[in-house]
């Protein structure tokens, strides 16, 4: 009879282990999904603000053809940069033309627009 009791306790232990692992795995998935939704929540806002700021800079007479960073923060976690189209690595890859917060990884996402304020990408 003791073998039967050991078998039952081992079976319960396995169920508990599976439950705990499932809860941990589910929590991790939930966290990453929450972060993903947060990023997407601000994405549209970042794109709109980046285009608006770009147009405001042009209205002030700022020349954007040299690909400057327009704003280090357009929405939580997002910066705004102007780029050459077609890409010109001699201009776009200059450190002075890149957003410092994005380059230093203090901000994880970047909206890019052309020097005419046309949307290029949001990553």
PDB file of N, CA and C in Angstrom:
ATOM      1  N   UNK A   1       0.813  -1.185   0.000  1.00  0.00           N
ATOM      2  CA  UNK A   1       0.000   0.000   0.000  1.00  0.00           C
ATOM      3  C   UNK A   1       0.869   1.266   0.000  1.00  0.00           C
ATOM      4  N   UNK A   2       2.073   1.218   0.536  1.00  0.00           N
ATOM      5  CA  UNK A   2       2.928   2.392   0.582  1.00  0.00           C
ATOM      6  C   UNK A   2       3.399   2.804  -0.811  1.00  0.00           C
ATOM      7  N   UNK A   3       3.533   1.815  -1.718  1.00  0.00           N
ATOM      8  CA  UNK A   3       3.906   2.150  -3.083  1.00  0.00           C
ATOM      9  C   UNK A   3       2.803   2.981  -3.739  1.00  0.00           C
ATOM     10  N   UNK A   4       1.592   2.637  -3.464  1.00  0.00           N
ATOM     11  CA  UNK A   4       0.455   3.347  -4.032  1.00  0.00           C
ATOM     12  C   UNK A   4       0.409   4.797  -3.517  1.00  0.00           C
ATOM     13  N   UNK A   5       0.704   5.023  -2.243  1.00  0.00           N
ATOM     14  CA  UNK A   5       0.725   6.368  -1.668  1.00  0.00           C
ATOM     15  C   UNK A   5       1.861   7.183  -2.272  1.00  0.00           C
ATOM     16  N   UNK A   6       3.029   6.583  -2.457  1.00  0.00           N
ATOM     17  CA  UNK A   6       4.167   7.286  -3.066  1.00  0.00           C
ATOM     18  C   UNK A   6       3.844   7.690  -4.497  1.00  0.00           C
ATOM     19  N   UNK A   7       3.152   6.823  -5.200  1.00  0.00           N
ATOM     20  CA  UNK A   7       2.762   7.113  -6.580  1.00  0.00           C
ATOM     21  C   UNK A   7       1.820   8.310  -6.633  1.00  0.00           C
ATOM     22  N   UNK A   8       0.856   8.361  -5.718  1.00  0.00           N
ATOM     23  CA  UNK A   8      -0.088   9.474  -5.684  1.00  0.00           C
ATOM     24  C   UNK A   8       0.605  10.778  -5.325  1.00  0.00           C
ATOM     25  N   UNK A   9       1.510  10.758  -4.371  1.00  0.00           N
ATOM     26  CA  UNK A   9       2.201  11.993  -3.988  1.00  0.00           C
ATOM     27  C   UNK A   9       3.123  12.464  -5.109  1.00  0.00           C
ATOM     28  N   UNK A  10       3.718  11.551  -5.837  1.00  0.00           N
ATOM     29  CA  UNK A  10       4.557  11.930  -6.968  1.00  0.00           C
ATOM     30  C   UNK A  10       3.707  12.538  -8.073  1.00  0.00           C
ATOM     31  N   UNK A  11       2.528  11.969  -8.275  1.00  0.00           N
ATOM     32  CA  UNK A  11       1.620  12.464  -9.298  1.00  0.00           C
ATOM     33  C   UNK A  11       1.153  13.883  -8.943  1.00  0.00           C
ATOM     34  N   UNK A  12       0.846  14.138  -7.683  1.00  0.00           N
ATOM     35  CA  UNK A  12       0.437  15.459  -7.229  1.00  0.00           C
ATOM     36  C   UNK A  12       1.597  16.443  -7.403  1.00  0.00           C
ATOM     37  N   UNK A  13       2.804  16.014  -7.083  1.00  0.00           N
ATOM     38  CA  UNK A  13       3.979  16.877  -7.246  1.00  0.00           C
ATOM     39  C   UNK A  13       4.166  17.286  -8.700  1.00  0.00           C
ATOM     40  N   UNK A  14       3.964  16.371  -9.609  1.00  0.00           N
ATOM     41  CA  UNK A  14       4.090  16.669 -11.038  1.00  0.00           C
ATOM     42  C   UNK A  14       3.030  17.687 -11.449  1.00  0.00           C
ATOM     43  N   UNK A  15       1.796  17.524 -10.986  1.00  0.00           N
ATOM     44  CA  UNK A  15       0.732  18.472 -11.309  1.00  0.00           C
ATOM     45  C   UNK A  15       1.050  19.862 -10.766  1.00  0.00           C
ATOM     46  N   UNK A  16       1.558  19.929  -9.567  1.00  0.00           N
ATOM     47  CA  UNK A  16       1.928  21.217  -8.976  1.00  0.00           C
ATOM     48  C   UNK A  16       3.061  21.852  -9.770  1.00  0.00           C
ATOM     49  N   UNK A  17       4.033  21.078 -10.149  1.00  0.00           N
ATOM     50  CA  UNK A  17       5.160  21.570 -10.943  1.00  0.00           C
ATOM     51  C   UNK A  17       4.656  22.134 -12.275  1.00  0.00           C
ATOM     52  N   UNK A  18       3.785  21.400 -12.942  1.00  0.00           N
ATOM     53  CA  UNK A  18       3.232  21.853 -14.221  1.00  0.00           C
ATOM     54  C   UNK A  18       2.445  23.146 -14.032  1.00  0.00           C
ATOM     55  N   UNK A  19       1.673  23.234 -12.971  1.00  0.00           N
ATOM     56  CA  UNK A  19       0.894  24.429 -12.684  1.00  0.00           C
ATOM     57  C   UNK A  19       1.808  25.640 -12.461  1.00  0.00           C
ATOM     58  N   UNK A  20       2.846  25.466 -11.665  1.00  0.00           N
ATOM     59  CA  UNK A  20       3.767  26.567 -11.363  1.00  0.00           C
ATOM     60  C   UNK A  20       4.489  27.023 -12.634  1.00  0.00           C
ATOM     61  N   UNK A  21       4.980  26.085 -13.421  1.00  0.00           N
ATOM     62  CA  UNK A  21       5.670  26.429 -14.663  1.00  0.00           C
ATOM     63  C   UNK A  21       4.709  27.145 -15.618  1.00  0.00           C
ATOM     64  N   UNK A  22       3.486  26.686 -15.701  1.00  0.00           N
ATOM     65  CA  UNK A  22       2.488  27.323 -16.568  1.00  0.00           C
ATOM     66  C   UNK A  22       2.198  28.748 -16.116  1.00  0.00           C
ATOM     67  N   UNK A  23       2.080  28.954 -14.821  1.00  0.00           N
ATOM     68  CA  UNK A  23       1.841  30.303 -14.296  1.00  0.00           C
ATOM     69  C   UNK A  23       3.010  31.236 -14.599  1.00  0.00           C
ATOM     70  N   UNK A  24       4.213  30.750 -14.429  1.00  0.00           N
ATOM     71  CA  UNK A  24       5.396  31.567 -14.719  1.00  0.00           C
ATOM     72  C   UNK A  24       5.448  31.912 -16.208  1.00  0.00           C
ATOM     73  N   UNK A  25       5.261  30.905 -17.041  1.00  0.00           N
ATOM     74  CA  UNK A  25       5.296  31.116 -18.482  1.00  0.00           C
ATOM     75  C   UNK A  25       4.182  32.076 -18.916  1.00  0.00           C
ATOM     76  N   UNK A  26       2.993  31.900 -18.368  1.00  0.00           N
ATOM     77  CA  UNK A  26       1.873  32.785 -18.686  1.00  0.00           C
ATOM     78  C   UNK A  26       2.142  34.219 -18.258  1.00  0.00           C
ATOM     79  N   UNK A  27       2.770  34.396 -17.107  1.00  0.00           N
ATOM     80  CA  UNK A  27       3.108  35.735 -16.626  1.00  0.00           C
ATOM     81  C   UNK A  27       4.109  36.417 -17.548  1.00  0.00           C
ATOM     82  N   UNK A  28       5.083  35.670 -18.017  1.00  0.00           N
ATOM     83  CA  UNK A  28       6.084  36.214 -18.938  1.00  0.00           C
ATOM     84  C   UNK A  28       5.420  36.635 -20.246  1.00  0.00           C
ATOM     85  N   UNK A  29       4.562  35.792 -20.792  1.00  0.00           N
ATOM     86  CA  UNK A  29       3.851  36.138 -22.022  1.00  0.00           C
ATOM     87  C   UNK A  29       2.970  37.371 -21.831  1.00  0.00           C
ATOM     88  N   UNK A  30       2.293  37.449 -20.710  1.00  0.00           N
ATOM     89  CA  UNK A  30       1.439  38.589 -20.416  1.00  0.00           C
ATOM     90  C   UNK A  30       2.260  39.878 -20.352  1.00  0.00           C
ATOM     91  N   UNK A  31       3.416  39.831 -19.685  1.00  0.00           N
ATOM     92  CA  UNK A  31       4.283  40.999 -19.557  1.00  0.00           C
ATOM     93  C   UNK A  31       4.724  41.494 -20.931  1.00  0.00           C
ATOM     94  N   UNK A  32       5.198  40.592 -21.788  1.00  0.00           N
ATOM     95  CA  UNK A  32       5.663  40.997 -23.112  1.00  0.00           C
ATOM     96  C   UNK A  32       4.517  41.485 -23.992  1.00  0.00           C
ATOM     97  N   UNK A  33       3.359  40.902 -23.864  1.00  0.00           N
ATOM     98  CA  UNK A  33       2.202  41.371 -24.611  1.00  0.00           C
ATOM     99  C   UNK A  33       1.794  42.767 -24.145  1.00  0.00           C
ATOM    100  N   UNK A  34       1.859  43.012 -22.852  1.00  0.00           N
ATOM    101  CA  UNK A  34       1.538  44.322 -22.296  1.00  0.00           C
ATOM    102  C   UNK A  34       2.502  45.371 -22.824  1.00  0.00           C
ATOM    103  N   UNK A  35       3.797  45.048 -22.837  1.00  0.00           N
ATOM    104  CA  UNK A  35       4.810  45.974 -23.351  1.00  0.00           C
ATOM    105  C   UNK A  35       4.592  46.240 -24.834  1.00  0.00           C
ATOM    106  N   UNK A  36       4.248  45.212 -25.575  1.00  0.00           N
ATOM    107  CA  UNK A  36       4.002  45.365 -27.009  1.00  0.00           C
ATOM    108  C   UNK A  36       2.818  46.282 -27.251  1.00  0.00           C
ATOM    109  N   UNK A  37       1.752  46.114 -26.497  1.00  0.00           N
ATOM    110  CA  UNK A  37       0.573  46.968 -26.635  1.00  0.00           C
ATOM    111  C   UNK A  37       0.884  48.405 -26.260  1.00  0.00           C
ATOM    112  N   UNK A  38       1.743  48.593 -25.244  1.00  0.00           N
ATOM    113  CA  UNK A  38       2.132  49.934 -24.823  1.00  0.00           C
ATOM    114  C   UNK A  38       2.884  50.620 -25.954  1.00  0.00           C
ATOM    115  N   UNK A  39       3.784  49.894 -26.602  1.00  0.00           N
ATOM    116  CA  UNK A  39       4.541  50.437 -27.716  1.00  0.00           C
ATOM    117  C   UNK A  39       3.604  50.828 -28.852  1.00  0.00           C
ATOM    118  N   UNK A  40       2.673  49.946 -29.189  1.00  0.00           N
ATOM    119  CA  UNK A  40       1.734  50.235 -30.258  1.00  0.00           C
ATOM    120  C   UNK A  40       0.791  51.377 -29.893  1.00  0.00           C
ATOM    121  N   UNK A  41       0.510  51.520 -28.609  1.00  0.00           N
ATOM    122  CA  UNK A  41      -0.367  52.591 -28.150  1.00  0.00           C
ATOM    123  C   UNK A  41       0.229  53.952 -28.495  1.00  0.00           C
ATOM    124  N   UNK A  42       1.518  54.109 -28.353  1.00  0.00           N
ATOM    125  CA  UNK A  42       2.184  55.383 -28.606  1.00  0.00           C
ATOM    126  C   UNK A  42       2.685  55.526 -30.039  1.00  0.00           C
ATOM    127  N   UNK A  43       2.658  54.464 -30.807  1.00  0.00           N
ATOM    128  CA  UNK A  43       3.201  54.490 -32.166  1.00  0.00           C
ATOM    129  C   UNK A  43       2.479  55.514 -33.036  1.00  0.00           C
ATOM    130  N   UNK A  44       1.157  55.462 -33.078  1.00  0.00           N
ATOM    131  CA  UNK A  44       0.394  56.406 -33.902  1.00  0.00           C
ATOM    132  C   UNK A  44       0.616  57.838 -33.448  1.00  0.00           C
ATOM    133  N   UNK A  45       0.641  58.032 -32.140  1.00  0.00           N
ATOM    134  CA  UNK A  45       0.893  59.369 -31.586  1.00  0.00           C
ATOM    135  C   UNK A  45       2.274  59.867 -31.998  1.00  0.00           C
ATOM    136  N   UNK A  46       3.267  58.984 -31.925  1.00  0.00           N
ATOM    137  CA  UNK A  46       4.637  59.350 -32.282  1.00  0.00           C
ATOM    138  C   UNK A  46       4.733  59.735 -33.757  1.00  0.00           C
ATOM    139  N   UNK A  47       4.071  58.982 -34.619  1.00  0.00           N
ATOM    140  CA  UNK A  47       4.099  59.282 -36.057  1.00  0.00           C
ATOM    141  C   UNK A  47       3.468  60.648 -36.324  1.00  0.00           C
ATOM    142  N   UNK A  48       2.295  60.879 -35.749  1.00  0.00           N
ATOM    143  CA  UNK A  48       1.596  62.152 -35.959  1.00  0.00           C
ATOM    144  C   UNK A  48       2.418  63.338 -35.454  1.00  0.00           C
ATOM    145  N   UNK A  49       2.979  63.204 -34.259  1.00  0.00           N
ATOM    146  CA  UNK A  49       3.764  64.306 -33.689  1.00  0.00           C
ATOM    147  C   UNK A  49       5.049  64.540 -34.463  1.00  0.00           C
ATOM    148  N   UNK A  50       5.663  63.453 -34.942  1.00  0.00           N
ATOM    149  CA  UNK A  50       6.898  63.593 -35.707  1.00  0.00           C
ATOM    150  C   UNK A  50       6.636  64.370 -36.989  1.00  0.00           C
ATOM    151  N   UNK A  51       5.575  64.029 -37.696  1.00  0.00           N
ATOM    152  CA  UNK A  51       5.238  64.737 -38.940  1.00  0.00           C
ATOM    153  C   UNK A  51       4.912  66.200 -38.643  1.00  0.00           C
ATOM    154  N   UNK A  52       4.156  66.448 -37.572  1.00  0.00           N
ATOM    155  CA  UNK A  52       3.801  67.825 -37.200  1.00  0.00           C
ATOM    156  C   UNK A  52       5.047  68.631 -36.824  1.00  0.00           C
ATOM    157  N   UNK A  53       5.948  68.036 -36.051  1.00  0.00           N
ATOM    158  CA  UNK A  53       7.186  68.735 -35.680  1.00  0.00           C
ATOM    159  C   UNK A  53       8.054  69.009 -36.898  1.00  0.00           C
ATOM    160  N   UNK A  54       8.092  68.057 -37.810  1.00  0.00           N
ATOM    161  CA  UNK A  54       8.855  68.236 -39.041  1.00  0.00           C
ATOM    162  C   UNK A  54       8.322  69.436 -39.819  1.00  0.00           C
ATOM    163  N   UNK A  55       7.011  69.499 -39.972  1.00  0.00           N
ATOM    164  CA  UNK A  55       6.399  70.615 -40.695  1.00  0.00           C
ATOM    165  C   UNK A  55       6.651  71.945 -39.986  1.00  0.00           C
ATOM    166  N   UNK A  56       6.635  71.930 -38.661  1.00  0.00           N
ATOM    167  CA  UNK A  56       6.919  73.143 -37.890  1.00  0.00           C
ATOM    168  C   UNK A  56       8.364  73.596 -38.097  1.00  0.00           C
ATOM    169  N   UNK A  57       9.283  72.642 -38.170  1.00  0.00           N
ATOM    170  CA  UNK A  57      10.694  72.984 -38.408  1.00  0.00           C
ATOM    171  C   UNK A  57      10.876  73.601 -39.791  1.00  0.00           C
ATOM    172  N   UNK A  58      10.208  73.044 -40.787  1.00  0.00           N
ATOM    173  CA  UNK A  58      10.290  73.606 -42.139  1.00  0.00           C
ATOM    174  C   UNK A  58       9.707  75.012 -42.152  1.00  0.00           C
ATOM    175  N   UNK A  59       8.591  75.222 -41.445  1.00  0.00           N
ATOM    176  CA  UNK A  59       7.961  76.548 -41.374  1.00  0.00           C
ATOM    177  C   UNK A  59       8.895  77.566 -40.721  1.00  0.00           C
ATOM    178  N   UNK A  60       9.737  77.114 -39.784  1.00  0.00           N
ATOM    179  CA  UNK A  60      10.702  78.012 -39.134  1.00  0.00           C
ATOM    180  C   UNK A  60      11.918  78.273 -40.018  1.00  0.00           C
ATOM    181  N   UNK A  61      12.029  77.513 -41.117  1.00  0.00           N
ATOM    182  CA  UNK A  61      13.163  77.706 -42.018  1.00  0.00           C
ATOM    183  C   UNK A  61      14.306  76.730 -41.788  1.00  0.00           C
ATOM    184  N   UNK A  62      14.094  75.739 -40.947  1.00  0.00           N
ATOM    185  CA  UNK A  62      15.136  74.734 -40.688  1.00  0.00           C
ATOM    186  C   UNK A  62      15.318  73.869 -41.930  1.00  0.00           C
ATOM    187  N   UNK A  63      16.560  73.668 -42.289  1.00  0.00           N
ATOM    188  CA  UNK A  63      16.875  72.818 -43.436  1.00  0.00           C
ATOM    189  C   UNK A  63      17.024  71.387 -42.933  1.00  0.00           C
ATOM    190  N   UNK A  64      16.194  70.503 -43.442  1.00  0.00           N
ATOM    191  CA  UNK A  64      16.196  69.113 -42.992  1.00  0.00           C
ATOM    192  C   UNK A  64      16.890  68.165 -43.968  1.00  0.00           C
ATOM    193  N   UNK A  65      17.385  68.681 -45.073  1.00  0.00           N
ATOM    194  CA  UNK A  65      18.009  67.813 -46.075  1.00  0.00           C
ATOM    195  C   UNK A  65      19.301  67.177 -45.582  1.00  0.00           C
ATOM    196  N   UNK A  66      19.866  67.719 -44.494  1.00  0.00           N
ATOM    197  CA  UNK A  66      21.076  67.102 -43.937  1.00  0.00           C
ATOM    198  C   UNK A  66      20.748  66.041 -42.886  1.00  0.00           C
ATOM    199  N   UNK A  67      19.467  65.717 -42.712  1.00  0.00           N
ATOM    200  CA  UNK A  67      19.043  64.594 -41.873  1.00  0.00           C
ATOM    201  C   UNK A  67      19.181  64.746 -40.378  1.00  0.00           C
ATOM    202  N   UNK A  68      18.851  65.911 -39.799  1.00  0.00           N
ATOM    203  CA  UNK A  68      19.006  66.052 -38.346  1.00  0.00           C
ATOM    204  C   UNK A  68      17.927  65.310 -37.564  1.00  0.00           C
ATOM    205  N   UNK A  69      18.222  65.071 -36.300  1.00  0.00           N
ATOM    206  CA  UNK A  69      17.214  64.547 -35.383  1.00  0.00           C
ATOM    207  C   UNK A  69      16.226  65.687 -35.126  1.00  0.00           C
ATOM    208  N   UNK A  70      14.953  65.405 -35.314  1.00  0.00           N
ATOM    209  CA  UNK A  70      13.949  66.448 -35.136  1.00  0.00           C
ATOM    210  C   UNK A  70      13.561  66.576 -33.670  1.00  0.00           C
ATOM    211  N   UNK A  71      13.423  65.446 -32.974  1.00  0.00           N
ATOM    212  CA  UNK A  71      13.072  65.476 -31.555  1.00  0.00           C
ATOM    213  C   UNK A  71      13.536  64.193 -30.870  1.00  0.00           C
ATOM    214  N   UNK A  72      14.080  64.350 -29.699  1.00  0.00           N
ATOM    215  CA  UNK A  72      14.525  63.192 -28.912  1.00  0.00           C
ATOM    216  C   UNK A  72      13.337  62.458 -28.280  1.00  0.00           C
ATOM    217  N   UNK A  73      12.206  63.160 -28.123  1.00  0.00           N
ATOM    218  CA  UNK A  73      11.027  62.544 -27.512  1.00  0.00           C
ATOM    219  C   UNK A  73       9.764  63.113 -28.144  1.00  0.00           C
ATOM    220  N   UNK A  74       9.069  62.308 -28.945  1.00  0.00           N
ATOM    221  CA  UNK A  74       7.790  62.741 -29.514  1.00  0.00           C
ATOM    222  C   UNK A  74       6.612  62.062 -28.827  1.00  0.00           C
ATOM    223  N   UNK A  75       6.894  60.951 -28.179  1.00  0.00           N
ATOM    224  CA  UNK A  75       5.911  60.195 -27.396  1.00  0.00           C
ATOM    225  C   UNK A  75       6.731  59.318 -26.459  1.00  0.00           C
ATOM    226  N   UNK A  76       6.135  58.792 -25.404  1.00  0.00           N
ATOM    227  CA  UNK A  76       6.914  57.948 -24.492  1.00  0.00           C
ATOM    228  C   UNK A  76       7.614  56.801 -25.229  1.00  0.00           C
ATOM    229  N   UNK A  77       8.953  56.820 -25.161  1.00  0.00           N
ATOM    230  CA  UNK A  77       9.757  55.767 -25.783  1.00  0.00           C
ATOM    231  C   UNK A  77      10.052  55.968 -27.255  1.00  0.00           C
ATOM    232  N   UNK A  78       9.680  57.125 -27.838  1.00  0.00           N
ATOM    233  CA  UNK A  78       9.830  57.370 -29.272  1.00  0.00           C
ATOM    234  C   UNK A  78      10.592  58.667 -29.550  1.00  0.00           C
ATOM    235  N   UNK A  79      11.504  58.601 -30.531  1.00  0.00           N
ATOM    236  CA  UNK A  79      12.216  59.775 -31.033  1.00  0.00           C
ATOM    237  C   UNK A  79      11.813  59.991 -32.487  1.00  0.00           C
ATOM    238  N   UNK A  80      12.171  61.153 -33.037  1.00  0.00           N
ATOM    239  CA  UNK A  80      11.803  61.502 -34.418  1.00  0.00           C
ATOM    240  C   UNK A  80      13.046  61.965 -35.165  1.00  0.00           C
ATOM    241  N   UNK A  81      13.325  61.342 -36.306  1.00  0.00           N
ATOM    242  CA  UNK A  81      14.524  61.643 -37.083  1.00  0.00           C
ATOM    243  C   UNK A  81      14.152  61.844 -38.547  1.00  0.00           C
ATOM    244  N   UNK A  82      14.879  62.730 -39.204  1.00  0.00           N
ATOM    245  CA  UNK A  82      14.692  62.893 -40.644  1.00  0.00           C
ATOM    246  C   UNK A  82      15.807  62.142 -41.355  1.00  0.00           C
ATOM    247  N   UNK A  83      15.464  61.559 -42.491  1.00  0.00           N
ATOM    248  CA  UNK A  83      16.433  60.766 -43.247  1.00  0.00           C
ATOM    249  C   UNK A  83      16.349  61.136 -44.723  1.00  0.00           C
ATOM    250  N   UNK A  84      17.389  60.788 -45.440  1.00  0.00           N
ATOM    251  CA  UNK A  84      17.419  61.009 -46.886  1.00  0.00           C
ATOM    252  C   UNK A  84      16.696  59.880 -47.590  1.00  0.00           C
ATOM    253  N   UNK A  85      15.975  60.238 -48.649  1.00  0.00           N
ATOM    254  CA  UNK A  85      15.331  59.220 -49.486  1.00  0.00           C
ATOM    255  C   UNK A  85      15.688  59.549 -50.924  1.00  0.00           C
ATOM    256  N   UNK A  86      16.412  58.689 -51.611  1.00  0.00           N
ATOM    257  CA  UNK A  86      16.931  57.405 -51.143  1.00  0.00           C
ATOM    258  C   UNK A  86      17.996  57.615 -50.069  1.00  0.00           C
ATOM    259  N   UNK A  87      18.222  56.574 -49.312  1.00  0.00           N
ATOM    260  CA  UNK A  87      19.162  56.660 -48.185  1.00  0.00           C
ATOM    261  C   UNK A  87      20.535  57.122 -48.653  1.00  0.00           C
ATOM    262  N   UNK A  88      21.109  58.022 -47.874  1.00  0.00           N
ATOM    263  CA  UNK A  88      22.459  58.514 -48.135  1.00  0.00           C
ATOM    264  C   UNK A  88      23.266  58.293 -46.863  1.00  0.00           C
ATOM    265  N   UNK A  89      24.025  57.227 -46.829  1.00  0.00           N
ATOM    266  CA  UNK A  89      24.761  56.861 -45.617  1.00  0.00           C
ATOM    267  C   UNK A  89      25.752  57.939 -45.193  1.00  0.00           C
ATOM    268  N   UNK A  90      26.256  58.716 -46.139  1.00  0.00           N
ATOM    269  CA  UNK A  90      27.196  59.783 -45.794  1.00  0.00           C
ATOM    270  C   UNK A  90      26.534  60.856 -44.932  1.00  0.00           C
ATOM    271  N   UNK A  91      25.230  61.010 -45.085  1.00  0.00           N
ATOM    272  CA  UNK A  91      24.487  61.996 -44.287  1.00  0.00           C
ATOM    273  C   UNK A  91      23.797  61.320 -43.114  1.00  0.00           C
ATOM    274  N   UNK A  92      23.025  60.278 -43.388  1.00  0.00           N
ATOM    275  CA  UNK A  92      22.183  59.648 -42.366  1.00  0.00           C
ATOM    276  C   UNK A  92      22.976  58.941 -41.272  1.00  0.00           C
ATOM    277  N   UNK A  93      24.167  58.451 -41.582  1.00  0.00           N
ATOM    278  CA  UNK A  93      24.951  57.720 -40.592  1.00  0.00           C
ATOM    279  C   UNK A  93      25.869  58.605 -39.758  1.00  0.00           C
ATOM    280  N   UNK A  94      25.894  59.904 -40.023  1.00  0.00           N
ATOM    281  CA  UNK A  94      26.690  60.802 -39.183  1.00  0.00           C
ATOM    282  C   UNK A  94      26.087  60.867 -37.789  1.00  0.00           C
ATOM    283  N   UNK A  95      26.921  60.739 -36.793  1.00  0.00           N
ATOM    284  CA  UNK A  95      26.443  60.751 -35.409  1.00  0.00           C
ATOM    285  C   UNK A  95      25.678  62.040 -35.090  1.00  0.00           C
ATOM    286  N   UNK A  96      26.133  63.157 -35.631  1.00  0.00           N
ATOM    287  CA  UNK A  96      25.468  64.435 -35.368  1.00  0.00           C
ATOM    288  C   UNK A  96      24.052  64.484 -35.940  1.00  0.00           C
ATOM    289  N   UNK A  97      23.739  63.621 -36.896  1.00  0.00           N
ATOM    290  CA  UNK A  97      22.418  63.613 -37.516  1.00  0.00           C
ATOM    291  C   UNK A  97      21.485  62.560 -36.927  1.00  0.00           C
ATOM    292  N   UNK A  98      21.930  61.855 -35.921  1.00  0.00           N
ATOM    293  CA  UNK A  98      21.114  60.805 -35.316  1.00  0.00           C
ATOM    294  C   UNK A  98      20.606  61.258 -33.948  1.00  0.00           C
ATOM    295  N   UNK A  99      19.472  60.749 -33.563  1.00  0.00           N
ATOM    296  CA  UNK A  99      18.918  61.076 -32.242  1.00  0.00           C
ATOM    297  C   UNK A  99      19.755  60.375 -31.167  1.00  0.00           C
ATOM    298  N   UNK A 100      20.298  61.158 -30.260  1.00  0.00           N
ATOM    299  CA  UNK A 100      21.175  60.608 -29.213  1.00  0.00           C
ATOM    300  C   UNK A 100      20.454  59.600 -28.327  1.00  0.00           C
ATOM    301  N   UNK A 101      19.221  59.908 -27.964  1.00  0.00           N
ATOM    302  CA  UNK A 101      18.475  59.015 -27.070  1.00  0.00           C
ATOM    303  C   UNK A 101      18.274  57.645 -27.718  1.00  0.00           C
ATOM    304  N   UNK A 102      18.037  57.618 -29.012  1.00  0.00           N
ATOM    305  CA  UNK A 102      17.861  56.341 -29.720  1.00  0.00           C
ATOM    306  C   UNK A 102      19.208  55.642 -29.888  1.00  0.00           C
ATOM    307  N   UNK A 103      20.214  56.391 -30.247  1.00  0.00           N
ATOM    308  CA  UNK A 103      21.556  55.823 -30.425  1.00  0.00           C
ATOM    309  C   UNK A 103      22.096  55.248 -29.108  1.00  0.00           C
ATOM    310  N   UNK A 104      21.820  55.935 -27.990  1.00  0.00           N
ATOM    311  CA  UNK A 104      22.288  55.483 -26.673  1.00  0.00           C
ATOM    312  C   UNK A 104      21.357  54.456 -26.044  1.00  0.00           C
ATOM    313  N   UNK A 105      20.259  54.146 -26.720  1.00  0.00           N
ATOM    314  CA  UNK A 105      19.278  53.151 -26.290  1.00  0.00           C
ATOM    315  C   UNK A 105      18.511  53.549 -25.027  1.00  0.00           C
ATOM    316  N   UNK A 106      18.412  54.861 -24.754  1.00  0.00           N
ATOM    317  CA  UNK A 106      17.547  55.300 -23.665  1.00  0.00           C
ATOM    318  C   UNK A 106      16.107  55.387 -24.160  1.00  0.00           C
ATOM    319  N   UNK A 107      15.945  55.486 -25.483  1.00  0.00           N
ATOM    320  CA  UNK A 107      14.640  55.396 -26.133  1.00  0.00           C
ATOM    321  C   UNK A 107      14.742  54.253 -27.129  1.00  0.00           C
ATOM    322  N   UNK A 108      13.733  53.393 -27.158  1.00  0.00           N
ATOM    323  CA  UNK A 108      13.824  52.172 -27.960  1.00  0.00           C
ATOM    324  C   UNK A 108      13.236  52.292 -29.362  1.00  0.00           C
ATOM    325  N   UNK A 109      12.437  53.333 -29.620  1.00  0.00           N
ATOM    326  CA  UNK A 109      11.717  53.393 -30.887  1.00  0.00           C
ATOM    327  C   UNK A 109      11.989  54.695 -31.617  1.00  0.00           C
ATOM    328  N   UNK A 110      11.921  54.605 -32.951  1.00  0.00           N
ATOM    329  CA  UNK A 110      12.266  55.750 -33.777  1.00  0.00           C
ATOM    330  C   UNK A 110      11.291  55.878 -34.941  1.00  0.00           C
ATOM    331  N   UNK A 111      10.776  57.094 -35.115  1.00  0.00           N
ATOM    332  CA  UNK A 111       9.988  57.427 -36.294  1.00  0.00           C
ATOM    333  C   UNK A 111      10.920  58.171 -37.230  1.00  0.00           C
ATOM    334  N   UNK A 112      10.916  57.786 -38.506  1.00  0.00           N
ATOM    335  CA  UNK A 112      11.723  58.507 -39.484  1.00  0.00           C
ATOM    336  C   UNK A 112      10.813  59.099 -40.551  1.00  0.00           C
ATOM    337  N   UNK A 113      11.166  60.326 -40.941  1.00  0.00           N
ATOM    338  CA  UNK A 113      10.439  61.033 -41.996  1.00  0.00           C
ATOM    339  C   UNK A 113      11.462  61.585 -42.980  1.00  0.00           C
ATOM    340  N   UNK A 114      10.988  61.914 -44.185  1.00  0.00           N
ATOM    341  CA  UNK A 114      11.869  62.530 -45.178  1.00  0.00           C
ATOM    342  C   UNK A 114      12.056  63.998 -44.828  1.00  0.00           C
ATOM    343  N   UNK A 115      12.913  64.655 -45.569  1.00  0.00           N
ATOM    344  CA  UNK A 115      13.118  66.092 -45.342  1.00  0.00           C
ATOM    345  C   UNK A 115      11.894  66.904 -45.763  1.00  0.00           C
ATOM    346  N   UNK A 116      10.933  66.250 -46.440  1.00  0.00           N
ATOM    347  CA  UNK A 116       9.654  66.885 -46.792  1.00  0.00           C
ATOM    348  C   UNK A 116       8.537  66.442 -45.865  1.00  0.00           C
ATOM    349  N   UNK A 117       8.877  65.801 -44.771  1.00  0.00           N
ATOM    350  CA  UNK A 117       7.946  65.360 -43.734  1.00  0.00           C
ATOM    351  C   UNK A 117       7.039  64.214 -44.153  1.00  0.00           C
ATOM    352  N   UNK A 118       7.476  63.421 -45.092  1.00  0.00           N
ATOM    353  CA  UNK A 118       6.724  62.232 -45.481  1.00  0.00           C
ATOM    354  C   UNK A 118       7.167  61.071 -44.604  1.00  0.00           C
ATOM    355  N   UNK A 119       6.212  60.313 -44.095  1.00  0.00           N
ATOM    356  CA  UNK A 119       6.503  59.190 -43.223  1.00  0.00           C
ATOM    357  C   UNK A 119       7.331  58.131 -43.949  1.00  0.00           C
ATOM    358  N   UNK A 120       8.400  57.637 -43.281  1.00  0.00           N
ATOM    359  CA  UNK A 120       9.242  56.581 -43.844  1.00  0.00           C
ATOM    360  C   UNK A 120       9.061  55.290 -43.061  1.00  0.00           C
ATOM    361  N   UNK A 121       9.268  55.353 -41.733  1.00  0.00           N
ATOM    362  CA  UNK A 121       9.139  54.131 -40.933  1.00  0.00           C
ATOM    363  C   UNK A 121       8.955  54.465 -39.458  1.00  0.00           C
ATOM    364  N   UNK A 122       8.500  53.448 -38.733  1.00  0.00           N
ATOM    365  CA  UNK A 122       8.390  53.529 -37.266  1.00  0.00           C
ATOM    366  C   UNK A 122       8.830  52.174 -36.757  1.00  0.00           C
ATOM    367  N   UNK A 123       9.920  52.154 -36.045  1.00  0.00           N
ATOM    368  CA  UNK A 123      10.438  50.876 -35.552  1.00  0.00           C
ATOM    369  C   UNK A 123      10.769  50.956 -34.086  1.00  0.00           C
TER     370      UNK A 123
END
